[in-house]
Every structure is written in structure tokens, then in C-alpha cells.
Amino acid sequence: MIRGTRISVELILRKLSEGATEADLLDAYPHITVEGIRAAVAFAADVISEDGVLSVPPTAPAKPPR
């Protein structure tokens, strides 16, 4: 959660991955701050670096050559 809110880090990351900007997030969620958004991203980076694993959704298999 973003400190002082009920907004999850996951939500922030998901919105950013969908192309939202910091300004978009600040407009949509007036209780968060730029610092809160950046702290969420930093937290996620720390979790990934500690775990050493990043789950990436599978992509469609490449088409075989003709």
C-alpha cells in the first residue's frame, strides 16, 4: 500500500505498465504524491532484486518458418 492510502503498489505498477504517467495517477488518485509513486516503483525494484525472479507472462510462440 502507498503510505496513508488504500492504494496498492500493484495498482500503481499496473497503471504505469499500461502507459499511465505520474500526472495521470495524481489526477486519478488525489491522495497519492509523486514521492509515493516513486516509492512504489523503488519498493518493487527492491523486492525483485531480493527475490531474483521476475515473472513475465509467456508470449505467443513464434510462427515456424515457411
N, C-alpha and C. Protein backbone atom coordinates (compact mmCIF):
# COMPACT_ATOMS: atom_id res chain seq x y z
N MET A 1 0.83 -1.18 0.00
CA MET A 1 0.00 0.00 0.00
C MET A 1 0.88 1.25 0.00
N ILE A 2 0.38 2.27 -0.67
CA ILE A 2 1.04 3.56 -0.61
C ILE A 2 0.73 4.15 0.77
N ARG A 3 1.76 4.58 1.46
CA ARG A 3 1.59 5.07 2.84
C ARG A 3 0.47 6.10 2.93
N GLY A 4 -0.42 5.88 3.88
CA GLY A 4 -1.51 6.81 4.13
C GLY A 4 -2.69 6.66 3.18
N THR A 5 -2.66 5.63 2.34
CA THR A 5 -3.77 5.40 1.41
C THR A 5 -4.14 3.92 1.41
N ARG A 6 -5.15 3.60 0.64
CA ARG A 6 -5.52 2.19 0.43
C ARG A 6 -5.17 1.78 -0.99
N ILE A 7 -4.24 2.50 -1.61
CA ILE A 7 -3.84 2.23 -2.99
C ILE A 7 -2.62 1.30 -2.96
N SER A 8 -2.73 0.18 -3.67
CA SER A 8 -1.66 -0.81 -3.62
C SER A 8 -0.52 -0.47 -4.58
N VAL A 9 0.65 -0.97 -4.23
CA VAL A 9 1.81 -0.85 -5.11
C VAL A 9 1.50 -1.52 -6.44
N GLU A 10 0.84 -2.67 -6.38
CA GLU A 10 0.48 -3.39 -7.60
C GLU A 10 -0.34 -2.51 -8.54
N LEU A 11 -1.32 -1.81 -8.00
CA LEU A 11 -2.16 -0.94 -8.83
C LEU A 11 -1.32 0.13 -9.52
N ILE A 12 -0.43 0.75 -8.76
CA ILE A 12 0.43 1.79 -9.34
C ILE A 12 1.28 1.21 -10.46
N LEU A 13 1.90 0.08 -10.21
CA LEU A 13 2.75 -0.54 -11.23
C LEU A 13 1.95 -0.95 -12.46
N ARG A 14 0.78 -1.50 -12.22
CA ARG A 14 -0.07 -1.92 -13.35
C ARG A 14 -0.46 -0.72 -14.20
N LYS A 15 -0.88 0.36 -13.56
CA LYS A 15 -1.26 1.56 -14.31
C LYS A 15 -0.07 2.12 -15.09
N LEU A 16 1.11 2.16 -14.47
CA LEU A 16 2.30 2.63 -15.17
C LEU A 16 2.61 1.73 -16.37
N SER A 17 2.46 0.41 -16.18
CA SER A 17 2.75 -0.52 -17.28
C SER A 17 1.76 -0.38 -18.43
N GLU A 18 0.58 0.14 -18.13
CA GLU A 18 -0.44 0.37 -19.16
C GLU A 18 -0.26 1.72 -19.84
N GLY A 19 0.77 2.48 -19.42
CA GLY A 19 1.06 3.74 -20.07
C GLY A 19 0.66 4.99 -19.31
N ALA A 20 0.12 4.82 -18.11
CA ALA A 20 -0.24 6.00 -17.31
C ALA A 20 1.02 6.76 -16.92
N THR A 21 0.90 8.06 -16.84
CA THR A 21 2.00 8.90 -16.39
C THR A 21 1.81 9.22 -14.91
N GLU A 22 2.83 9.81 -14.30
CA GLU A 22 2.68 10.26 -12.92
C GLU A 22 1.51 11.24 -12.81
N ALA A 23 1.41 12.13 -13.80
CA ALA A 23 0.32 13.12 -13.79
C ALA A 23 -1.04 12.42 -13.86
N ASP A 24 -1.15 11.37 -14.68
CA ASP A 24 -2.41 10.62 -14.77
C ASP A 24 -2.77 10.03 -13.41
N LEU A 25 -1.78 9.45 -12.74
CA LEU A 25 -2.03 8.83 -11.44
C LEU A 25 -2.42 9.86 -10.39
N LEU A 26 -1.75 11.01 -10.42
CA LEU A 26 -2.08 12.06 -9.47
C LEU A 26 -3.49 12.59 -9.68
N ASP A 27 -3.92 12.66 -10.95
CA ASP A 27 -5.29 13.09 -11.24
C ASP A 27 -6.30 12.06 -10.79
N ALA A 28 -6.00 10.79 -11.04
CA ALA A 28 -6.95 9.72 -10.73
C ALA A 28 -7.01 9.40 -9.23
N TYR A 29 -5.88 9.57 -8.56
CA TYR A 29 -5.79 9.22 -7.14
C TYR A 29 -5.21 10.41 -6.37
N PRO A 30 -6.04 11.39 -6.02
CA PRO A 30 -5.54 12.63 -5.42
C PRO A 30 -4.87 12.45 -4.05
N HIS A 31 -5.01 11.30 -3.44
CA HIS A 31 -4.39 11.09 -2.13
C HIS A 31 -2.94 10.65 -2.22
N ILE A 32 -2.44 10.37 -3.44
CA ILE A 32 -1.05 9.98 -3.56
C ILE A 32 -0.20 11.16 -3.99
N THR A 33 1.09 11.00 -3.87
CA THR A 33 2.05 12.04 -4.25
C THR A 33 3.05 11.47 -5.24
N VAL A 34 3.81 12.33 -5.88
CA VAL A 34 4.88 11.87 -6.76
C VAL A 34 5.85 11.00 -5.96
N GLU A 35 6.15 11.42 -4.75
CA GLU A 35 7.06 10.64 -3.91
C GLU A 35 6.49 9.25 -3.63
N GLY A 36 5.18 9.16 -3.43
CA GLY A 36 4.53 7.87 -3.19
C GLY A 36 4.62 6.96 -4.40
N ILE A 37 4.43 7.53 -5.58
CA ILE A 37 4.53 6.74 -6.82
C ILE A 37 5.95 6.22 -6.97
N ARG A 38 6.93 7.10 -6.78
CA ARG A 38 8.33 6.70 -6.93
C ARG A 38 8.75 5.70 -5.86
N ALA A 39 8.20 5.83 -4.66
CA ALA A 39 8.49 4.87 -3.60
C ALA A 39 7.92 3.50 -3.95
N ALA A 40 6.75 3.46 -4.59
CA ALA A 40 6.16 2.20 -5.02
C ALA A 40 7.05 1.50 -6.04
N VAL A 41 7.56 2.26 -6.99
CA VAL A 41 8.44 1.68 -8.01
C VAL A 41 9.74 1.20 -7.36
N ALA A 42 10.29 1.98 -6.46
CA ALA A 42 11.53 1.59 -5.77
C ALA A 42 11.31 0.34 -4.94
N PHE A 43 10.16 0.26 -4.26
CA PHE A 43 9.83 -0.92 -3.45
C PHE A 43 9.77 -2.16 -4.33
N ALA A 44 9.11 -2.05 -5.49
CA ALA A 44 9.00 -3.19 -6.39
C ALA A 44 10.39 -3.61 -6.88
N ALA A 45 11.24 -2.66 -7.19
CA ALA A 45 12.60 -2.98 -7.63
C ALA A 45 13.36 -3.70 -6.52
N ASP A 46 13.20 -3.25 -5.28
CA ASP A 46 13.86 -3.91 -4.16
C ASP A 46 13.38 -5.35 -3.99
N VAL A 47 12.07 -5.55 -4.11
CA VAL A 47 11.51 -6.90 -3.97
C VAL A 47 12.06 -7.81 -5.06
N ILE A 48 12.11 -7.32 -6.28
CA ILE A 48 12.62 -8.13 -7.38
C ILE A 48 14.10 -8.44 -7.18
N SER A 49 14.88 -7.46 -6.75
CA SER A 49 16.31 -7.69 -6.58
C SER A 49 16.58 -8.68 -5.46
N GLU A 50 15.77 -8.68 -4.42
CA GLU A 50 15.94 -9.62 -3.31
C GLU A 50 15.53 -11.03 -3.72
N ASP A 51 14.44 -11.12 -4.47
CA ASP A 51 13.91 -12.41 -4.87
C ASP A 51 14.72 -12.99 -6.03
N GLY A 52 15.21 -12.12 -6.89
CA GLY A 52 15.99 -12.58 -8.03
C GLY A 52 15.16 -13.16 -9.15
N VAL A 53 13.85 -13.09 -9.02
CA VAL A 53 12.98 -13.68 -10.04
C VAL A 53 11.97 -12.63 -10.47
N LEU A 54 11.79 -12.52 -11.76
CA LEU A 54 10.77 -11.64 -12.31
C LEU A 54 9.87 -12.49 -13.17
N SER A 55 8.62 -12.60 -12.80
CA SER A 55 7.68 -13.38 -13.59
C SER A 55 7.19 -12.54 -14.75
N VAL A 56 7.43 -13.05 -15.94
CA VAL A 56 6.98 -12.37 -17.15
C VAL A 56 5.97 -13.27 -17.82
N PRO A 57 4.83 -12.72 -18.19
CA PRO A 57 3.82 -13.56 -18.84
C PRO A 57 4.38 -14.15 -20.12
N PRO A 58 4.01 -15.39 -20.42
CA PRO A 58 4.51 -16.00 -21.66
C PRO A 58 4.01 -15.26 -22.88
N THR A 59 4.80 -15.29 -23.90
CA THR A 59 4.39 -14.69 -25.16
C THR A 59 3.93 -15.78 -26.10
N ALA A 60 3.23 -15.36 -27.13
CA ALA A 60 2.79 -16.34 -28.12
C ALA A 60 4.01 -16.94 -28.80
N PRO A 61 3.98 -18.24 -29.08
CA PRO A 61 5.13 -18.86 -29.74
C PRO A 61 5.33 -18.25 -31.14
N ALA A 62 6.57 -18.19 -31.52
CA ALA A 62 6.89 -17.66 -32.85
C ALA A 62 6.35 -18.60 -33.92
N LYS A 63 5.92 -18.03 -35.01
CA LYS A 63 5.44 -18.86 -36.11
C LYS A 63 6.63 -19.58 -36.74
N PRO A 64 6.45 -20.85 -37.06
CA PRO A 64 7.56 -21.58 -37.69
C PRO A 64 7.84 -21.01 -39.08
N PRO A 65 9.10 -21.04 -39.51
CA PRO A 65 9.42 -20.54 -40.84
C PRO A 65 8.74 -21.37 -41.91
N ARG A 66 8.43 -20.74 -43.03
CA ARG A 66 7.79 -21.47 -44.13
C ARG A 66 8.78 -22.12 -45.01
